Structures are given as structure tokens and as C-alpha cells.
Protein backbone atom coordinates (compact mmCIF):
# COMPACT_ATOMS: atom_id res chain seq x y z
CA UNK A 1 -12.38 -169.00 -223.32
CA UNK A 2 -16.29 -168.55 -223.28
CA UNK A 3 -17.50 -165.76 -221.29
CA UNK A 4 -20.48 -166.63 -219.08
CA UNK A 5 -23.82 -164.19 -218.55
CA UNK A 6 -24.17 -165.52 -215.02
CA UNK A 7 -20.82 -164.28 -213.59
CA UNK A 8 -22.10 -161.19 -213.00
CA UNK A 9 -25.05 -162.68 -211.10
CA UNK A 10 -22.67 -164.84 -208.87
CA UNK A 11 -20.14 -161.94 -208.00
CA UNK A 12 -23.25 -159.86 -206.62
CA UNK A 13 -24.14 -162.95 -204.74
CA UNK A 14 -20.80 -163.48 -203.13
CA UNK A 15 -20.67 -160.24 -202.05
CA UNK A 16 -23.98 -160.23 -200.29
CA UNK A 17 -24.22 -163.75 -199.07
CA UNK A 18 -21.51 -166.03 -196.55
CA UNK A 19 -21.72 -168.73 -199.53
CA UNK A 20 -23.34 -169.20 -203.07
CA UNK A 21 -23.97 -172.96 -204.30
CA UNK A 22 -23.97 -173.45 -208.12
CA UNK A 23 -26.28 -176.34 -209.10
CA UNK A 24 -25.91 -177.76 -212.68
CA UNK A 25 -25.45 -180.85 -215.07
CA UNK A 26 -22.31 -182.19 -215.58
CA UNK A 27 -19.75 -180.60 -217.51
CA UNK A 28 -21.86 -177.31 -217.83
CA UNK A 29 -18.88 -175.19 -216.89
CA UNK A 30 -19.51 -174.50 -213.13
CA UNK A 31 -15.71 -175.51 -212.05
CA UNK A 32 -14.58 -173.60 -214.89
CA UNK A 33 -16.50 -170.57 -213.78
CA UNK A 34 -15.47 -170.82 -210.42
CA UNK A 35 -11.62 -170.63 -210.55
CA UNK A 36 -11.73 -168.26 -213.11
CA UNK A 37 -13.75 -165.49 -210.86
CA UNK A 38 -11.94 -166.50 -208.05
CA UNK A 39 -8.42 -167.73 -208.90
CA UNK A 40 -6.92 -167.05 -205.23
CA UNK A 41 -9.43 -169.27 -203.64
CA UNK A 42 -8.27 -172.44 -202.39
CA UNK A 43 -9.89 -175.58 -204.19
CA UNK A 44 -11.21 -178.92 -203.31
CA UNK A 45 -12.85 -181.16 -205.74
CA UNK A 46 -14.71 -183.97 -203.63
CA UNK A 47 -14.39 -186.23 -206.59
CA UNK A 48 -10.81 -186.88 -205.43
CA UNK A 49 -10.76 -189.86 -203.45
CA UNK A 50 -8.09 -188.83 -201.19
CA UNK A 51 -9.98 -184.72 -200.44
CA UNK A 52 -13.35 -186.71 -199.98
CA UNK A 53 -11.79 -189.19 -197.24
CA UNK A 54 -10.37 -185.99 -195.39
CA UNK A 55 -13.95 -183.97 -195.83
CA UNK A 56 -15.44 -187.17 -194.76
CA UNK A 57 -13.56 -187.78 -191.80
CA UNK A 58 -11.75 -185.02 -190.72
CA UNK A 59 -13.46 -182.05 -191.58
CA UNK A 60 -11.44 -179.57 -189.46
CA UNK A 61 -8.49 -180.65 -190.88
CA UNK A 62 -10.31 -180.43 -194.31
CA UNK A 63 -9.90 -176.56 -193.95
CA UNK A 64 -6.60 -176.49 -192.87
CA UNK A 65 -5.21 -178.04 -196.41
CA UNK A 66 -8.29 -176.03 -197.96
CA UNK A 67 -8.63 -172.50 -196.16
CA UNK A 68 -11.44 -169.92 -196.77
CA UNK A 69 -12.09 -168.55 -199.15
CA UNK A 70 -12.34 -171.95 -200.76
CA UNK A 71 -14.43 -173.26 -203.93
CA UNK A 72 -15.87 -177.03 -202.75
CA UNK A 73 -16.52 -178.93 -205.97
CA UNK A 74 -19.21 -181.65 -206.19
CA UNK A 75 -20.85 -181.30 -202.77
CA UNK A 76 -22.91 -184.54 -203.44
CA UNK A 77 -20.18 -186.51 -202.87
CA UNK A 78 -19.82 -185.44 -199.12
CA UNK A 79 -23.16 -183.31 -198.12
CA UNK A 80 -22.36 -183.96 -194.45
CA UNK A 81 -19.84 -181.17 -194.98
CA UNK A 82 -22.38 -178.78 -194.98
CA UNK A 83 -22.72 -178.73 -191.45
CA UNK A 84 -18.94 -177.88 -190.58
CA UNK A 85 -19.28 -174.81 -193.04
CA UNK A 86 -22.58 -173.81 -191.25
CA UNK A 87 -20.17 -173.85 -187.76
CA UNK A 88 -17.90 -171.70 -189.51
CA UNK A 89 -19.88 -169.43 -191.25
CA UNK A 90 -21.49 -168.71 -187.93
CA UNK A 91 -18.34 -168.54 -186.26
CA UNK A 92 -16.59 -165.87 -188.57
CA UNK A 93 -19.65 -163.73 -190.01
CA UNK A 94 -17.65 -163.39 -193.04
CA UNK A 95 -19.17 -162.44 -196.64
CA UNK A 96 -18.30 -164.43 -199.86
CA UNK A 97 -16.17 -167.02 -198.15
CA UNK A 98 -17.56 -170.65 -199.89
CA UNK A 99 -18.15 -171.29 -203.54
CA UNK A 100 -19.86 -174.48 -203.45
CA UNK A 101 -21.19 -176.64 -206.57
CA UNK A 102 -22.95 -179.61 -206.98
CA UNK A 103 -24.16 -181.83 -210.05
CA UNK A 104 -27.52 -183.09 -208.43
CA UNK A 105 -29.87 -181.80 -205.91
CA UNK A 106 -31.54 -184.83 -204.44
CA UNK A 107 -29.26 -185.49 -201.36
CA UNK A 108 -28.29 -182.04 -201.12
CA UNK A 109 -32.05 -180.39 -200.57
CA UNK A 110 -32.24 -181.34 -196.73
CA UNK A 111 -28.52 -180.61 -195.87
CA UNK A 112 -29.20 -177.30 -197.08
CA UNK A 113 -32.21 -176.40 -196.05
CA UNK A 114 -30.71 -177.68 -192.52
CA UNK A 115 -27.23 -176.45 -192.30
CA UNK A 116 -27.30 -173.37 -194.72
CA UNK A 117 -30.57 -171.96 -194.53
CA UNK A 118 -30.15 -168.07 -194.90
CA UNK A 119 -26.37 -168.75 -194.99
CA UNK A 120 -26.18 -169.49 -199.31
CA UNK A 121 -27.42 -168.44 -202.45
CA UNK A 122 -28.71 -170.76 -204.92
CA UNK A 123 -27.41 -170.60 -208.08
CA UNK A 124 -28.96 -172.89 -211.15
CA UNK A 125 -26.30 -173.37 -213.89
CA UNK A 126 -27.21 -174.39 -217.45
CA UNK A 127 -24.99 -175.39 -220.74
CA UNK A 128 -23.89 -172.40 -223.00
CA UNK A 129 -26.52 -170.06 -224.26
CA UNK A 130 -26.93 -168.85 -227.84
CA UNK A 131 -25.89 -165.84 -227.02
CA UNK A 132 -22.85 -166.42 -225.16
CA UNK A 133 -22.03 -168.72 -228.68
CA UNK A 134 -22.51 -165.24 -230.36
CA UNK A 135 -20.25 -163.19 -228.29
CA UNK A 136 -17.62 -165.82 -228.94
CA UNK A 137 -18.03 -165.33 -232.70
CA UNK A 138 -19.49 -168.89 -232.82
CA UNK A 139 -22.78 -168.63 -235.17
CA UNK A 140 -24.33 -172.18 -236.24
CA UNK A 141 -27.15 -172.61 -238.37
CA UNK A 142 -30.20 -173.76 -236.80
CA UNK A 143 -29.44 -177.76 -237.46
CA UNK A 144 -25.98 -177.57 -236.88
CA UNK A 145 -26.90 -176.14 -233.53
CA UNK A 146 -29.57 -178.56 -232.52
CA UNK A 147 -26.88 -181.73 -233.26
CA UNK A 148 -24.21 -180.28 -231.38
CA UNK A 149 -25.99 -178.80 -228.35
CA UNK A 150 -24.19 -176.80 -225.90
CA UNK A 151 -21.69 -178.19 -223.95
CA UNK A 152 -18.52 -176.02 -223.00
CA UNK A 153 -16.20 -178.72 -224.15
CA UNK A 154 -17.51 -179.13 -227.64
CA UNK A 155 -16.01 -175.24 -228.37
CA UNK A 156 -13.03 -175.44 -226.38
CA UNK A 157 -11.27 -176.09 -229.82
CA UNK A 158 -12.54 -176.93 -233.33
CA UNK A 159 -12.54 -180.38 -234.24
CA UNK A 160 -14.97 -182.38 -231.53
CA UNK A 161 -17.65 -185.17 -232.46
CA UNK A 162 -20.64 -183.91 -231.09
CA UNK A 163 -22.07 -187.73 -231.49
CA UNK A 164 -19.12 -189.40 -229.71
CA UNK A 165 -18.97 -186.60 -227.03
CA UNK A 166 -22.63 -187.24 -225.70
CA UNK A 167 -21.90 -190.83 -225.98
CA UNK A 168 -19.37 -190.83 -223.65
CA UNK A 169 -21.06 -188.39 -221.49
CA UNK A 170 -24.12 -191.03 -220.87
CA UNK A 171 -22.04 -193.45 -220.33
CA UNK A 172 -19.45 -191.71 -218.14
CA UNK A 173 -21.40 -189.44 -216.16
CA UNK A 174 -25.16 -189.99 -217.03
CA UNK A 175 -25.36 -193.26 -215.75
CA UNK A 176 -22.80 -193.09 -213.33
CA UNK A 177 -24.49 -190.62 -211.04
CA UNK A 178 -28.07 -191.76 -211.78
CA UNK A 179 -26.62 -195.51 -210.53
CA UNK A 180 -25.22 -194.00 -207.06
CA UNK A 181 -28.40 -192.00 -206.37
CA UNK A 182 -31.21 -194.25 -207.80
CA UNK A 183 -29.69 -197.93 -207.24
CA UNK A 184 -30.69 -198.29 -210.84
CA UNK A 185 -29.73 -201.86 -211.52
CA UNK A 186 -30.66 -202.52 -215.05
CA UNK A 187 -29.19 -200.14 -217.51
CA UNK A 188 -30.33 -201.54 -220.22
CA UNK A 189 -33.91 -200.66 -219.09
CA UNK A 190 -32.66 -197.09 -217.57
CA UNK A 191 -31.23 -196.20 -221.23
CA UNK A 192 -34.29 -197.42 -223.07
CA UNK A 193 -36.27 -194.86 -220.77
CA UNK A 194 -33.87 -192.55 -221.83
CA UNK A 195 -34.40 -193.06 -225.44
CA UNK A 196 -38.31 -192.96 -225.19
CA UNK A 197 -38.16 -189.72 -223.46
CA UNK A 198 -36.13 -188.19 -225.87
CA UNK A 199 -38.62 -189.02 -228.22
CA UNK A 200 -41.06 -187.10 -226.34
CA UNK A 201 -39.47 -183.75 -225.82
CA UNK A 202 -42.24 -180.92 -225.80
CA UNK A 203 -44.88 -183.42 -224.90
CA UNK A 204 -46.68 -184.25 -222.22
CA UNK A 205 -45.48 -187.51 -220.83
CA UNK A 206 -47.47 -190.22 -219.72
CA UNK A 207 -46.07 -192.57 -216.88
CA UNK A 208 -48.03 -195.27 -217.41
CA UNK A 209 -47.36 -195.44 -221.02
CA UNK A 210 -43.58 -195.40 -220.52
CA UNK A 211 -43.80 -197.76 -217.86
CA UNK A 212 -45.41 -200.59 -220.07
CA UNK A 213 -43.03 -199.60 -223.10
CA UNK A 214 -39.57 -200.17 -220.58
CA UNK A 215 -41.17 -202.95 -218.45
CA UNK A 216 -40.88 -201.14 -215.24
CA UNK A 217 -43.38 -199.81 -212.86
CA UNK A 218 -44.90 -196.30 -213.10
CA UNK A 219 -43.96 -195.28 -210.26
CA UNK A 220 -40.50 -196.19 -210.49
CA UNK A 221 -40.29 -194.07 -214.30
CA UNK A 222 -41.70 -190.87 -211.90
CA UNK A 223 -38.65 -191.54 -209.71
CA UNK A 224 -36.57 -191.58 -212.73
CA UNK A 225 -37.87 -188.55 -213.90
CA UNK A 226 -37.40 -187.01 -210.49
CA UNK A 227 -33.96 -187.85 -210.76
CA UNK A 228 -33.20 -186.68 -214.33
CA UNK A 229 -34.85 -182.99 -213.17
CA UNK A 230 -32.85 -183.10 -209.93
CA UNK A 231 -29.88 -184.07 -211.99
CA UNK A 232 -30.18 -180.75 -214.52
CA UNK A 233 -30.71 -183.32 -217.37
CA UNK A 234 -34.63 -182.82 -218.05
CA UNK A 235 -36.63 -179.62 -217.58
CA UNK A 236 -40.53 -180.14 -216.60
CA UNK A 237 -42.53 -176.85 -217.89
CA UNK A 238 -45.71 -176.56 -215.96
CA UNK A 239 -48.89 -175.54 -217.45
CA UNK A 240 -50.82 -171.91 -217.04
CA UNK A 241 -54.13 -171.81 -215.51
CA UNK A 242 -56.75 -169.09 -214.46
CA UNK A 243 -58.49 -171.08 -212.81
CA UNK A 244 -59.01 -174.82 -211.69
CA UNK A 245 -61.21 -176.09 -214.55
CA UNK A 246 -61.29 -179.55 -216.02
CA UNK A 247 -61.08 -178.11 -219.72
CA UNK A 248 -57.07 -177.37 -218.58
CA UNK A 249 -54.22 -179.63 -218.86
CA UNK A 250 -52.32 -179.70 -215.85
CA UNK A 251 -49.62 -182.15 -216.78
CA UNK A 252 -46.26 -181.03 -217.34
CA UNK A 253 -43.94 -181.05 -220.77
CA UNK A 254 -40.58 -182.67 -220.59
CA UNK A 255 -37.80 -181.24 -221.98
CA UNK A 256 -34.14 -182.18 -221.93
CA UNK A 257 -31.58 -179.26 -220.83
CA UNK A 258 -29.51 -179.70 -224.05
CA UNK A 259 -30.53 -180.38 -227.57
CA UNK A 260 -27.03 -182.56 -228.42
CA UNK A 261 -28.04 -184.93 -225.80
CA UNK A 262 -31.89 -185.29 -227.08
CA UNK A 263 -30.12 -185.93 -230.77
CA UNK A 264 -27.74 -188.53 -229.56
CA UNK A 265 -30.44 -190.26 -227.78
CA UNK A 266 -32.59 -190.39 -230.94
CA UNK A 267 -29.52 -191.53 -233.29
CA UNK A 268 -29.37 -188.49 -234.96
CA UNK A 269 -25.92 -187.68 -236.05
CA UNK A 270 -25.57 -185.24 -238.36
CA UNK A 271 -27.35 -181.63 -239.56
CA UNK A 272 -28.30 -183.19 -242.65
CA UNK A 273 -29.91 -185.67 -241.00
CA UNK A 274 -31.74 -183.38 -238.52
CA UNK A 275 -33.34 -181.65 -241.58
CA UNK A 276 -35.22 -185.03 -242.39
CA UNK A 277 -36.04 -185.94 -239.04
CA UNK A 278 -39.60 -186.09 -238.26
CA UNK A 279 -38.69 -184.96 -234.28
CA UNK A 280 -37.10 -181.54 -235.74
CA UNK A 281 -40.35 -178.99 -234.83
CA UNK A 282 -40.06 -180.85 -231.20
CA UNK A 283 -35.97 -180.85 -230.57
CA UNK A 284 -36.23 -176.89 -231.98
CA UNK A 285 -39.26 -176.18 -229.79
CA UNK A 286 -36.67 -177.88 -226.70
CA UNK A 287 -34.32 -175.17 -227.97
CA UNK A 288 -36.22 -172.39 -227.71
CA UNK A 289 -37.68 -173.35 -224.30
CA UNK A 290 -34.06 -174.19 -222.75
CA UNK A 291 -32.65 -170.93 -223.87
CA UNK A 292 -35.31 -168.67 -222.51
CA UNK A 293 -34.80 -171.15 -219.50
CA UNK A 294 -30.74 -170.18 -219.54
CA UNK A 295 -31.81 -166.20 -220.33
CA UNK A 296 -33.77 -166.13 -217.05
CA UNK A 297 -31.51 -168.26 -214.78
CA UNK A 298 -28.54 -166.12 -215.98
CA UNK A 299 -29.52 -163.00 -214.84
CA UNK A 300 -31.01 -164.17 -211.44
CA UNK A 301 -35.01 -164.25 -212.90
CA UNK A 302 -37.48 -166.53 -211.78
CA UNK A 303 -38.14 -168.45 -214.48
CA UNK A 304 -41.62 -167.99 -214.84
CA UNK A 305 -42.19 -169.91 -217.79
CA UNK A 306 -45.33 -171.94 -218.80
CA UNK A 307 -47.18 -173.22 -221.53
CA UNK A 308 -51.26 -173.94 -222.17
CA UNK A 309 -53.28 -176.41 -223.39
CA UNK A 310 -57.24 -177.35 -223.23
CA UNK A 311 -59.20 -180.00 -224.15
CA UNK A 312 -60.42 -177.71 -227.47
CA UNK A 313 -57.35 -178.00 -228.94
CA UNK A 314 -55.59 -174.33 -227.83
CA UNK A 315 -52.66 -174.10 -227.05
CA UNK A 316 -49.64 -172.17 -226.63
CA UNK A 317 -46.32 -173.18 -226.31
CA UNK A 318 -44.48 -170.77 -224.05
CA UNK A 319 -45.96 -167.82 -221.74
CA UNK A 320 -43.67 -165.61 -219.77
CA UNK A 321 -45.13 -164.27 -216.93
CA UNK A 322 -43.86 -160.68 -215.20
CA UNK A 323 -45.52 -158.65 -213.08
CA UNK A 324 -49.15 -161.13 -212.79
CA UNK A 325 -49.16 -160.15 -217.07
CA UNK A 326 -48.49 -163.01 -219.81
CA UNK A 327 -46.34 -162.62 -223.22
CA UNK A 328 -46.79 -164.97 -225.47
CA UNK A 329 -44.94 -167.03 -227.65
CA UNK A 330 -45.20 -169.74 -230.52
CA UNK A 331 -42.49 -171.90 -231.52
CA UNK A 332 -41.73 -172.94 -235.14
CA UNK A 333 -38.79 -174.43 -236.54
CA UNK A 334 -39.50 -172.96 -240.13
CA UNK A 335 -38.10 -169.62 -241.60
CA UNK A 336 -41.60 -168.99 -243.54
CA UNK A 337 -43.80 -165.83 -242.17
CA UNK A 338 -46.52 -167.10 -241.58
CA UNK A 339 -49.74 -165.19 -239.87
CA UNK A 340 -51.32 -168.73 -239.37
CA UNK A 341 -48.63 -169.24 -236.67
CA UNK A 342 -50.43 -166.22 -234.42
CA UNK A 343 -53.99 -168.18 -234.74
CA UNK A 344 -53.48 -169.53 -231.22
CA UNK A 345 -52.15 -166.45 -229.66
CA UNK A 346 -55.51 -164.43 -231.13
CA UNK A 347 -57.71 -167.00 -229.92
CA UNK A 348 -55.88 -167.27 -226.36
CA UNK A 349 -55.77 -163.30 -226.21
CA UNK A 350 -59.64 -163.01 -226.49
CA UNK A 351 -60.31 -165.60 -224.29
CA UNK A 352 -57.75 -163.74 -221.51
CA UNK A 353 -57.64 -160.23 -222.77
CA UNK A 354 -57.27 -159.15 -219.11
CA UNK A 355 -54.23 -161.47 -218.58
CA UNK A 356 -52.23 -160.18 -221.17
CA UNK A 357 -49.25 -157.93 -221.18
CA UNK A 358 -49.90 -154.47 -222.70
CA UNK A 359 -47.42 -154.16 -225.40
CA UNK A 360 -46.86 -153.23 -228.96
CA UNK A 361 -47.31 -156.71 -230.10
CA UNK A 362 -49.92 -159.42 -229.10
CA UNK A 363 -47.57 -162.16 -229.35
CA UNK A 364 -44.54 -163.30 -230.85
CA UNK A 365 -43.16 -166.26 -233.24
CA UNK A 366 -39.85 -167.55 -232.96
CA UNK A 367 -38.94 -169.21 -235.68
CA UNK A 368 -35.75 -169.59 -238.32
CA UNK A 369 -36.73 -166.90 -240.46
CA UNK A 370 -35.65 -163.15 -240.82
CA UNK A 371 -36.65 -160.66 -237.71
CA UNK A 372 -39.56 -158.19 -238.02
CA UNK A 373 -40.54 -156.52 -235.47
CA UNK A 374 -44.33 -156.46 -236.10
CA UNK A 375 -46.46 -158.31 -238.73
CA UNK A 376 -49.96 -158.29 -238.41
CA UNK A 377 -49.40 -157.13 -235.15
CA UNK A 378 -46.88 -159.67 -234.08
CA UNK A 379 -43.59 -159.99 -233.63
CA UNK A 380 -41.12 -162.33 -236.07
CA UNK A 381 -37.88 -163.39 -233.92
CA UNK A 382 -35.38 -165.32 -234.83
CA UNK A 383 -34.24 -168.09 -232.81
CA UNK A 384 -30.96 -166.20 -232.20
CA UNK A 385 -32.81 -162.97 -230.55
CA UNK A 386 -34.11 -165.21 -227.26
CA UNK A 387 -31.84 -163.58 -224.88
CA UNK A 388 -33.66 -160.27 -226.23
CA UNK A 389 -37.04 -161.36 -225.28
CA UNK A 390 -36.77 -163.00 -221.85
CA UNK A 391 -34.38 -160.78 -220.49
CA UNK A 392 -36.42 -158.44 -218.27
CA UNK A 393 -33.96 -157.59 -215.53
CA UNK A 394 -34.73 -154.62 -213.51
CA UNK A 395 -33.57 -153.10 -210.54
CA UNK A 396 -33.83 -155.35 -207.62
CA UNK A 397 -35.83 -153.69 -204.87
CA UNK A 398 -33.91 -153.40 -201.74
CA UNK A 399 -34.02 -152.24 -198.05
CA UNK A 400 -32.40 -148.91 -197.57
CA UNK A 401 -32.35 -148.27 -193.49
């Protein structure tokens, strides 16, 4: 069984809060994590029709059948149960009694803010990371990793087909969930939208252009994007800007939370096909950005991830903001050591020298080649080392009185 980096963060929060709520995409490992960490807890799966009916119609009896401490799985199916959880927390005031999971946040945001504000800690969980796979001695080359993605099921045993898995994932989970929460009546158009969006991974997404291609309104495109983000299917990377000037692009970039899903939606079935695909660079960038995000979330850190682009063509693929200063990253899918990769980071540093983090390197290139601690005053890191670059975990400040 694969050990998850986020385990320590969840355990720490369960010691501190009355409940912990874990959000993440379907099949990313939330349930497995919860059961492995707390094998003695009661377990209630709200996907089960009978359990769901009990939670809706008789919440007090629900907790007789599933007494605390308890794991409540897929809470978005019965969000009103949170009101009863609140009452029981306020009555008993005992830490670590509820571990709650959910696959999307749209119907839960208001419920949690109303019922469990100050009573629960929120954890964002994504599929497996490269460092977690390496810890299990699973080391895949770039193109195999891009096609295979990071869903735990695929690594439970050898022999699974990633393409078949993601086909079923879209049909069984994604379309079903979206239909439930958004009343998507035209699944053909929705699937076309997904495929078009996959072709734009790592790009600024133009809602109007997408709407024209799909044949729906721009407002519907915006709604669907919000739903995908709330369901942890896509991640929007926000732009960094020092001042609100017209020169800086303020539209976010879109990434999928799993490259295997991107590959499936683009019809890429094999590593050799990935190698020849014109979107290889974009999908590799998707991998790097989401791996950086996983590293931050697994340690309980704020993502603090951005990109930069202005109207003059100056672009930084990825920026980490720490303690008010910026660390710069260029992302390249190739293996060649090339000083040209550093040009934009040099220009950005000259423009915003007071904002740059003081470090031994002026920036870092993440690529498929060998590790060089410093080349022309820039670090060159293999993509397998991403967790090292974005792990800035420090001892948290805590009140002591």
C-alpha cells in the first residue's frame, strides 16, 4: 500500500480540531487514507442508499448506528447532516471525533461555513505524487508518467490500462457528478467542452471562444469551469502582478489535476504517442504545476503559486511566493541543458529585483534532464525532484500562554 505524504498533516489536525474535512477528486485515495489512519472509527458511506436515507431522515439514529469517532464519506450527498454534527460537537467538545470526506465543494461551502466554522479543519487532497510513487519504488519515465497519471487504483497492482481507466472515470464519475450538481442536459456538448479544455491545458482560457466552439453561452462555460474546479478536476493558476497595470495579464491559466485524464481526453493512449504529440510541452507543464501544488497541500501549506505574463511577451511559467518574496521557475519538457531557458527569469529579475527571493540561484529550470545545482547561476532540476523545490515547511507559530 502506498504511503501518503498528507497523513501527518491529517493526524496533526485531528489532534487539534473537533473534525477534519478532506476534499479531493473521486478515487484520489480519501477513503483509503481515512480508513488506514483510523481503523477503529465507525464508517458511514453516504453513497450507500440506505445509509444516505438514514442520514437524511433520522440523523440522531444515524449516529446510533455510526457512533463517534466516525468517518463520514462523501458528505456532499447529505450536506444537511453537518447541522447535526455541529450540535454534537458543541455538546461533547471532544477533539478528533469526525473525519469527513467530500468530492466537491459547491453544495458544501455554505453548509460548512454555517455549521462547522471554527469546528473543522479543511484539507485539500489530490492524487498520488511523484515522490509518493518513488517512495514505493515506482519510477516511470516522463512519457509513461504523463499518460498514466496518478490515480491510486492504477498503482494498486501491475497490468492496469490507464486509457481504459480514465475512460471509465469520465463515464462513471465525472459525468455523473456534473449532471447531479449542474443539471448538464447535453452530455455530448459537455464532453466536447472537456476535450477542448484539455487541448488548452497550461493556457489562458477564453470563455467566449470556447462557447463558440461548443455551441453554448459564455456564461455556461464559466459555470462549467467553476464546477470542474470545485470538483477538483481542474486547477486555476492565478497571475502574479505587482501593480494593477494594463500590461499584466490577469486571466488565470487552466490545468487538470491529473495528466492521465488530460491524455485520455486528447486521445493519447501510449508513451510513444505522447512523445510525438504537439501538446507534450503543455502536458509536461501541467504535471509540474500540479506536482508543486500537491507538495504544498500535502504539507498543509498555502499553495502561493502564480505565473506571470505581460503584453510584451515576458512570461514566467511558475512563481512561488514565500514570505513576500518570489522564486522563479521555468518549465521545459526536454532534456537539454540550455542557457536560453533562463532568459525570461533574468529579465523578470531585472524588472522586479526587490521582489526576488535572495538565494544561491537566480531561478530554477524544471525539465527532463540531469540535475545541476547551478549552471550560469540557475538551477536545473529533474521533474522527479519537484517536491524538494516546493517544500518550505517551517515550524508553525503557535500561541503559548
